[in-house]
Amino acid sequence: HNYTAYPMVRQAREMVAKGQLGDIRIVQSEYPQDWLTEDLAATGQKQAAWRSDPKQAGAGGALGDIGTHAY
């Protein structure tokens, strides 16, 4: 949802809808960040603690957490 207003993303969406790109077989996306490159859960940060625990955050890991931002 972070990139939906970008002109490039809107153009790509239109091109897909019009069939101008053919069959889409794979979509590759990046959302670089360094927020959890260190063990922040060990520092007592509550958000880091639950986000890095599959029992609390689910099996999706980073994809479930930040994947929606690259949509």
PDB file of N, CA and C in Angstrom:
ATOM      1  N   HIS A   1       0.803  -1.199   0.000  1.00  0.00           N
ATOM      2  CA  HIS A   1       0.000   0.000   0.000  1.00  0.00           C
ATOM      3  C   HIS A   1       0.848   1.266   0.000  1.00  0.00           C
ATOM      4  N   ASN A   2       2.105   1.146   0.317  1.00  0.00           N
ATOM      5  CA  ASN A   2       2.970   2.334   0.348  1.00  0.00           C
ATOM      6  C   ASN A   2       3.224   2.917  -1.035  1.00  0.00           C
ATOM      7  N   TYR A   3       3.220   2.098  -2.062  1.00  0.00           N
ATOM      8  CA  TYR A   3       3.619   2.553  -3.393  1.00  0.00           C
ATOM      9  C   TYR A   3       2.452   2.742  -4.361  1.00  0.00           C
ATOM     10  N   THR A   4       1.219   2.565  -3.928  1.00  0.00           N
ATOM     11  CA  THR A   4       0.093   2.585  -4.860  1.00  0.00           C
ATOM     12  C   THR A   4      -0.095   3.923  -5.568  1.00  0.00           C
ATOM     13  N   ALA A   5       0.367   5.011  -4.988  1.00  0.00           N
ATOM     14  CA  ALA A   5       0.189   6.322  -5.620  1.00  0.00           C
ATOM     15  C   ALA A   5       1.331   6.686  -6.570  1.00  0.00           C
ATOM     16  N   TYR A   6       2.368   5.880  -6.616  1.00  0.00           N
ATOM     17  CA  TYR A   6       3.491   6.182  -7.507  1.00  0.00           C
ATOM     18  C   TYR A   6       3.029   6.060  -8.960  1.00  0.00           C
ATOM     19  N   PRO A   7       3.334   7.060  -9.806  1.00  0.00           N
ATOM     20  CA  PRO A   7       2.923   6.999 -11.209  1.00  0.00           C
ATOM     21  C   PRO A   7       3.400   5.730 -11.921  1.00  0.00           C
ATOM     22  N   MET A   8       4.615   5.292 -11.635  1.00  0.00           N
ATOM     23  CA  MET A   8       5.142   4.089 -12.275  1.00  0.00           C
ATOM     24  C   MET A   8       4.300   2.860 -11.913  1.00  0.00           C
ATOM     25  N   VAL A   9       3.877   2.764 -10.668  1.00  0.00           N
ATOM     26  CA  VAL A   9       3.065   1.630 -10.223  1.00  0.00           C
ATOM     27  C   VAL A   9       1.684   1.690 -10.862  1.00  0.00           C
ATOM     28  N   ARG A  10       1.114   2.872 -10.927  1.00  0.00           N
ATOM     29  CA  ARG A  10      -0.202   3.018 -11.569  1.00  0.00           C
ATOM     30  C   ARG A  10      -0.132   2.647 -13.052  1.00  0.00           C
ATOM     31  N   GLN A  11       0.933   3.067 -13.714  1.00  0.00           N
ATOM     32  CA  GLN A  11       1.092   2.730 -15.128  1.00  0.00           C
ATOM     33  C   GLN A  11       1.236   1.226 -15.300  1.00  0.00           C
ATOM     34  N   ALA A  12       2.028   0.599 -14.470  1.00  0.00           N
ATOM     35  CA  ALA A  12       2.205  -0.854 -14.564  1.00  0.00           C
ATOM     36  C   ALA A  12       0.877  -1.569 -14.346  1.00  0.00           C
ATOM     37  N   ARG A  13       0.103  -1.110 -13.372  1.00  0.00           N
ATOM     38  CA  ARG A  13      -1.201  -1.729 -13.104  1.00  0.00           C
ATOM     39  C   ARG A  13      -2.116  -1.606 -14.319  1.00  0.00           C
ATOM     40  N   GLU A  14      -2.135  -0.432 -14.950  1.00  0.00           N
ATOM     41  CA  GLU A  14      -2.941  -0.224 -16.154  1.00  0.00           C
ATOM     42  C   GLU A  14      -2.481  -1.136 -17.284  1.00  0.00           C
ATOM     43  N   MET A  15      -1.165  -1.258 -17.452  1.00  0.00           N
ATOM     44  CA  MET A  15      -0.629  -2.106 -18.520  1.00  0.00           C
ATOM     45  C   MET A  15      -1.010  -3.566 -18.305  1.00  0.00           C
ATOM     46  N   VAL A  16      -0.988  -4.020 -17.067  1.00  0.00           N
ATOM     47  CA  VAL A  16      -1.393  -5.395 -16.762  1.00  0.00           C
ATOM     48  C   VAL A  16      -2.875  -5.569 -17.064  1.00  0.00           C
ATOM     49  N   ALA A  17      -3.700  -4.625 -16.616  1.00  0.00           N
ATOM     50  CA  ALA A  17      -5.144  -4.711 -16.823  1.00  0.00           C
ATOM     51  C   ALA A  17      -5.506  -4.733 -18.309  1.00  0.00           C
ATOM     52  N   LYS A  18      -4.745  -4.019 -19.133  1.00  0.00           N
ATOM     53  CA  LYS A  18      -5.009  -3.966 -20.575  1.00  0.00           C
ATOM     54  C   LYS A  18      -4.392  -5.137 -21.331  1.00  0.00           C
ATOM     55  N   GLY A  19      -3.632  -5.980 -20.631  1.00  0.00           N
ATOM     56  CA  GLY A  19      -3.003  -7.120 -21.280  1.00  0.00           C
ATOM     57  C   GLY A  19      -1.778  -6.759 -22.099  1.00  0.00           C
ATOM     58  N   GLN A  20      -1.228  -5.586 -21.895  1.00  0.00           N
ATOM     59  CA  GLN A  20      -0.088  -5.123 -22.684  1.00  0.00           C
ATOM     60  C   GLN A  20       1.209  -5.853 -22.350  1.00  0.00           C
ATOM     61  N   LEU A  21       1.255  -6.534 -21.227  1.00  0.00           N
ATOM     62  CA  LEU A  21       2.484  -7.216 -20.809  1.00  0.00           C
ATOM     63  C   LEU A  21       2.404  -8.732 -20.971  1.00  0.00           C
ATOM     64  N   GLY A  22       1.315  -9.207 -21.536  1.00  0.00           N
ATOM     65  CA  GLY A  22       1.157 -10.650 -21.691  1.00  0.00           C
ATOM     66  C   GLY A  22       0.804 -11.307 -20.362  1.00  0.00           C
ATOM     67  N   ASP A  23       1.004 -12.615 -20.299  1.00  0.00           N
ATOM     68  CA  ASP A  23       0.719 -13.352 -19.067  1.00  0.00           C
ATOM     69  C   ASP A  23       1.772 -13.029 -18.017  1.00  0.00           C
ATOM     70  N   ILE A  24       1.329 -12.617 -16.857  1.00  0.00           N
ATOM     71  CA  ILE A  24       2.247 -12.327 -15.751  1.00  0.00           C
ATOM     72  C   ILE A  24       2.511 -13.642 -15.027  1.00  0.00           C
ATOM     73  N   ARG A  25       3.745 -14.083 -15.037  1.00  0.00           N
ATOM     74  CA  ARG A  25       4.106 -15.364 -14.421  1.00  0.00           C
ATOM     75  C   ARG A  25       4.823 -15.201 -13.097  1.00  0.00           C
ATOM     76  N   ILE A  26       5.417 -14.043 -12.862  1.00  0.00           N
ATOM     77  CA  ILE A  26       6.129 -13.815 -11.605  1.00  0.00           C
ATOM     78  C   ILE A  26       6.133 -12.311 -11.314  1.00  0.00           C
ATOM     79  N   VAL A  27       6.047 -11.991 -10.061  1.00  0.00           N
ATOM     80  CA  VAL A  27       6.153 -10.602  -9.616  1.00  0.00           C
ATOM     81  C   VAL A  27       7.248 -10.559  -8.565  1.00  0.00           C
ATOM     82  N   GLN A  28       8.186  -9.675  -8.742  1.00  0.00           N
ATOM     83  CA  GLN A  28       9.301  -9.544  -7.809  1.00  0.00           C
ATOM     84  C   GLN A  28       9.244  -8.148  -7.200  1.00  0.00           C
ATOM     85  N   SER A  29       9.382  -8.080  -5.902  1.00  0.00           N
ATOM     86  CA  SER A  29       9.273  -6.805  -5.209  1.00  0.00           C
ATOM     87  C   SER A  29      10.334  -6.708  -4.124  1.00  0.00           C
ATOM     88  N   GLU A  30      10.748  -5.499  -3.813  1.00  0.00           N
ATOM     89  CA  GLU A  30      11.710  -5.267  -2.728  1.00  0.00           C
ATOM     90  C   GLU A  30      11.185  -4.175  -1.817  1.00  0.00           C
ATOM     91  N   TYR A  31      11.441  -4.329  -0.544  1.00  0.00           N
ATOM     92  CA  TYR A  31      11.098  -3.314   0.451  1.00  0.00           C
ATOM     93  C   TYR A  31      12.235  -3.297   1.458  1.00  0.00           C
ATOM     94  N   PRO A  32      13.394  -2.744   1.060  1.00  0.00           N
ATOM     95  CA  PRO A  32      14.576  -2.801   1.917  1.00  0.00           C
ATOM     96  C   PRO A  32      14.421  -1.977   3.195  1.00  0.00           C
ATOM     97  N   GLN A  33      14.842  -2.557   4.287  1.00  0.00           N
ATOM     98  CA  GLN A  33      14.894  -1.853   5.561  1.00  0.00           C
ATOM     99  C   GLN A  33      15.858  -2.592   6.479  1.00  0.00           C
ATOM    100  N   ASP A  34      16.275  -1.923   7.531  1.00  0.00           N
ATOM    101  CA  ASP A  34      17.240  -2.557   8.432  1.00  0.00           C
ATOM    102  C   ASP A  34      16.717  -2.677   9.859  1.00  0.00           C
ATOM    103  N   TRP A  35      15.424  -2.559  10.027  1.00  0.00           N
ATOM    104  CA  TRP A  35      14.845  -2.488  11.361  1.00  0.00           C
ATOM    105  C   TRP A  35      15.164  -3.697  12.232  1.00  0.00           C
ATOM    106  N   LEU A  36      15.126  -4.888  11.697  1.00  0.00           N
ATOM    107  CA  LEU A  36      15.371  -6.085  12.506  1.00  0.00           C
ATOM    108  C   LEU A  36      16.695  -6.766  12.170  1.00  0.00           C
ATOM    109  N   THR A  37      17.676  -5.997  11.725  1.00  0.00           N
ATOM    110  CA  THR A  37      18.976  -6.601  11.441  1.00  0.00           C
ATOM    111  C   THR A  37      19.732  -6.933  12.716  1.00  0.00           C
ATOM    112  N   GLU A  38      19.345  -6.312  13.807  1.00  0.00           N
ATOM    113  CA  GLU A  38      19.919  -6.640  15.113  1.00  0.00           C
ATOM    114  C   GLU A  38      18.835  -7.301  15.957  1.00  0.00           C
ATOM    115  N   ASP A  39      19.212  -8.004  16.993  1.00  0.00           N
ATOM    116  CA  ASP A  39      18.256  -8.684  17.863  1.00  0.00           C
ATOM    117  C   ASP A  39      17.591  -7.670  18.795  1.00  0.00           C
ATOM    118  N   LEU A  40      16.631  -6.925  18.243  1.00  0.00           N
ATOM    119  CA  LEU A  40      15.965  -5.890  19.025  1.00  0.00           C
ATOM    120  C   LEU A  40      15.075  -6.477  20.110  1.00  0.00           C
ATOM    121  N   ALA A  41      14.613  -7.706  19.911  1.00  0.00           N
ATOM    122  CA  ALA A  41      13.790  -8.338  20.939  1.00  0.00           C
ATOM    123  C   ALA A  41      14.564  -8.449  22.245  1.00  0.00           C
ATOM    124  N   ALA A  42      15.871  -8.631  22.154  1.00  0.00           N
ATOM    125  CA  ALA A  42      16.703  -8.754  23.355  1.00  0.00           C
ATOM    126  C   ALA A  42      16.837  -7.423  24.094  1.00  0.00           C
ATOM    127  N   THR A  43      16.498  -6.324  23.422  1.00  0.00           N
ATOM    128  CA  THR A  43      16.595  -5.012  24.068  1.00  0.00           C
ATOM    129  C   THR A  43      15.295  -4.608  24.748  1.00  0.00           C
ATOM    130  N   GLY A  44      14.284  -5.463  24.649  1.00  0.00           N
ATOM    131  CA  GLY A  44      13.013  -5.171  25.301  1.00  0.00           C
ATOM    132  C   GLY A  44      12.002  -4.448  24.429  1.00  0.00           C
ATOM    133  N   GLN A  45      12.288  -4.268  23.150  1.00  0.00           N
ATOM    134  CA  GLN A  45      11.322  -3.624  22.256  1.00  0.00           C
ATOM    135  C   GLN A  45      10.166  -4.582  21.997  1.00  0.00           C
ATOM    136  N   LYS A  46       8.987  -4.220  22.456  1.00  0.00           N
ATOM    137  CA  LYS A  46       7.834  -5.122  22.378  1.00  0.00           C
ATOM    138  C   LYS A  46       7.451  -5.467  20.945  1.00  0.00           C
ATOM    139  N   GLN A  47       7.487  -4.493  20.033  1.00  0.00           N
ATOM    140  CA  GLN A  47       7.122  -4.795  18.650  1.00  0.00           C
ATOM    141  C   GLN A  47       8.096  -5.780  18.028  1.00  0.00           C
ATOM    142  N   ALA A  48       9.365  -5.599  18.305  1.00  0.00           N
ATOM    143  CA  ALA A  48      10.364  -6.521  17.757  1.00  0.00           C
ATOM    144  C   ALA A  48      10.164  -7.912  18.336  1.00  0.00           C
ATOM    145  N   ALA A  49       9.794  -7.983  19.599  1.00  0.00           N
ATOM    146  CA  ALA A  49       9.632  -9.281  20.254  1.00  0.00           C
ATOM    147  C   ALA A  49       8.531 -10.102  19.593  1.00  0.00           C
ATOM    148  N   TRP A  50       7.351  -9.534  19.402  1.00  0.00           N
ATOM    149  CA  TRP A  50       6.282 -10.339  18.815  1.00  0.00           C
ATOM    150  C   TRP A  50       6.473 -10.550  17.321  1.00  0.00           C
ATOM    151  N   ARG A  51       7.056  -9.582  16.627  1.00  0.00           N
ATOM    152  CA  ARG A  51       7.247  -9.735  15.181  1.00  0.00           C
ATOM    153  C   ARG A  51       8.254 -10.826  14.842  1.00  0.00           C
ATOM    154  N   SER A  52       9.192 -11.072  15.708  1.00  0.00           N
ATOM    155  CA  SER A  52      10.210 -12.088  15.425  1.00  0.00           C
ATOM    156  C   SER A  52       9.876 -13.440  16.053  1.00  0.00           C
ATOM    157  N   ASP A  53       8.689 -13.575  16.623  1.00  0.00           N
ATOM    158  CA  ASP A  53       8.267 -14.831  17.250  1.00  0.00           C
ATOM    159  C   ASP A  53       7.142 -15.457  16.432  1.00  0.00           C
ATOM    160  N   PRO A  54       7.413 -16.560  15.700  1.00  0.00           N
ATOM    161  CA  PRO A  54       6.390 -17.187  14.868  1.00  0.00           C
ATOM    162  C   PRO A  54       5.141 -17.602  15.644  1.00  0.00           C
ATOM    163  N   LYS A  55       5.276 -17.890  16.927  1.00  0.00           N
ATOM    164  CA  LYS A  55       4.102 -18.273  17.721  1.00  0.00           C
ATOM    165  C   LYS A  55       3.138 -17.099  17.886  1.00  0.00           C
ATOM    166  N   GLN A  56       3.660 -15.889  17.885  1.00  0.00           N
ATOM    167  CA  GLN A  56       2.812 -14.708  18.041  1.00  0.00           C
ATOM    168  C   GLN A  56       2.451 -14.055  16.708  1.00  0.00           C
ATOM    169  N   ALA A  57       3.397 -14.032  15.787  1.00  0.00           N
ATOM    170  CA  ALA A  57       3.194 -13.317  14.525  1.00  0.00           C
ATOM    171  C   ALA A  57       2.724 -14.222  13.395  1.00  0.00           C
ATOM    172  N   GLY A  58       2.793 -15.525  13.588  1.00  0.00           N
ATOM    173  CA  GLY A  58       2.420 -16.452  12.536  1.00  0.00           C
ATOM    174  C   GLY A  58       3.626 -16.893  11.729  1.00  0.00           C
ATOM    175  N   ALA A  59       3.385 -17.836  10.845  1.00  0.00           N
ATOM    176  CA  ALA A  59       4.471 -18.444  10.080  1.00  0.00           C
ATOM    177  C   ALA A  59       4.935 -17.578   8.910  1.00  0.00           C
ATOM    178  N   GLY A  60       4.228 -16.501   8.615  1.00  0.00           N
ATOM    179  CA  GLY A  60       4.559 -15.664   7.461  1.00  0.00           C
ATOM    180  C   GLY A  60       5.864 -14.911   7.582  1.00  0.00           C
ATOM    181  N   GLY A  61       6.328 -14.711   8.793  1.00  0.00           N
ATOM    182  CA  GLY A  61       7.587 -13.998   9.002  1.00  0.00           C
ATOM    183  C   GLY A  61       7.583 -12.616   8.374  1.00  0.00           C
ATOM    184  N   ALA A  62       8.692 -12.255   7.750  1.00  0.00           N
ATOM    185  CA  ALA A  62       8.835 -10.922   7.156  1.00  0.00           C
ATOM    186  C   ALA A  62       7.814 -10.684   6.046  1.00  0.00           C
ATOM    187  N   LEU A  63       7.478 -11.725   5.287  1.00  0.00           N
ATOM    188  CA  LEU A  63       6.518 -11.550   4.201  1.00  0.00           C
ATOM    189  C   LEU A  63       5.156 -11.137   4.746  1.00  0.00           C
ATOM    190  N   GLY A  64       4.731 -11.790   5.815  1.00  0.00           N
ATOM    191  CA  GLY A  64       3.456 -11.433   6.418  1.00  0.00           C
ATOM    192  C   GLY A  64       3.473 -10.062   7.064  1.00  0.00           C
ATOM    193  N   ASP A  65       4.614  -9.668   7.566  1.00  0.00           N
ATOM    194  CA  ASP A  65       4.719  -8.401   8.278  1.00  0.00           C
ATOM    195  C   ASP A  65       4.882  -7.212   7.335  1.00  0.00           C
ATOM    196  N   ILE A  66       5.848  -7.261   6.441  1.00  0.00           N
ATOM    197  CA  ILE A  66       6.114  -6.099   5.586  1.00  0.00           C
ATOM    198  C   ILE A  66       5.751  -6.318   4.125  1.00  0.00           C
ATOM    199  N   GLY A  67       5.355  -7.535   3.774  1.00  0.00           N
ATOM    200  CA  GLY A  67       4.997  -7.806   2.386  1.00  0.00           C
ATOM    201  C   GLY A  67       3.869  -6.931   1.876  1.00  0.00           C
ATOM    202  N   THR A  68       2.928  -6.595   2.758  1.00  0.00           N
ATOM    203  CA  THR A  68       1.812  -5.754   2.335  1.00  0.00           C
ATOM    204  C   THR A  68       2.259  -4.352   1.949  1.00  0.00           C
ATOM    205  N   HIS A  69       3.382  -3.899   2.465  1.00  0.00           N
ATOM    206  CA  HIS A  69       3.864  -2.559   2.134  1.00  0.00           C
ATOM    207  C   HIS A  69       4.374  -2.479   0.697  1.00  0.00           C
ATOM    208  N   ALA A  70       4.771  -3.583   0.137  1.00  0.00           N
ATOM    209  CA  ALA A  70       5.282  -3.600  -1.234  1.00  0.00           C
ATOM    210  C   ALA A  70       4.179  -3.867  -2.247  1.00  0.00           C
ATOM    211  N   TYR A  71       2.956  -4.065  -1.786  1.00  0.00           N
ATOM    212  CA  TYR A  71       1.824  -4.386  -2.667  1.00  0.00           C
ATOM    213  C   TYR A  71       1.582  -3.300  -3.681  1.00  0.00           C
TER     214      TYR A  71
END
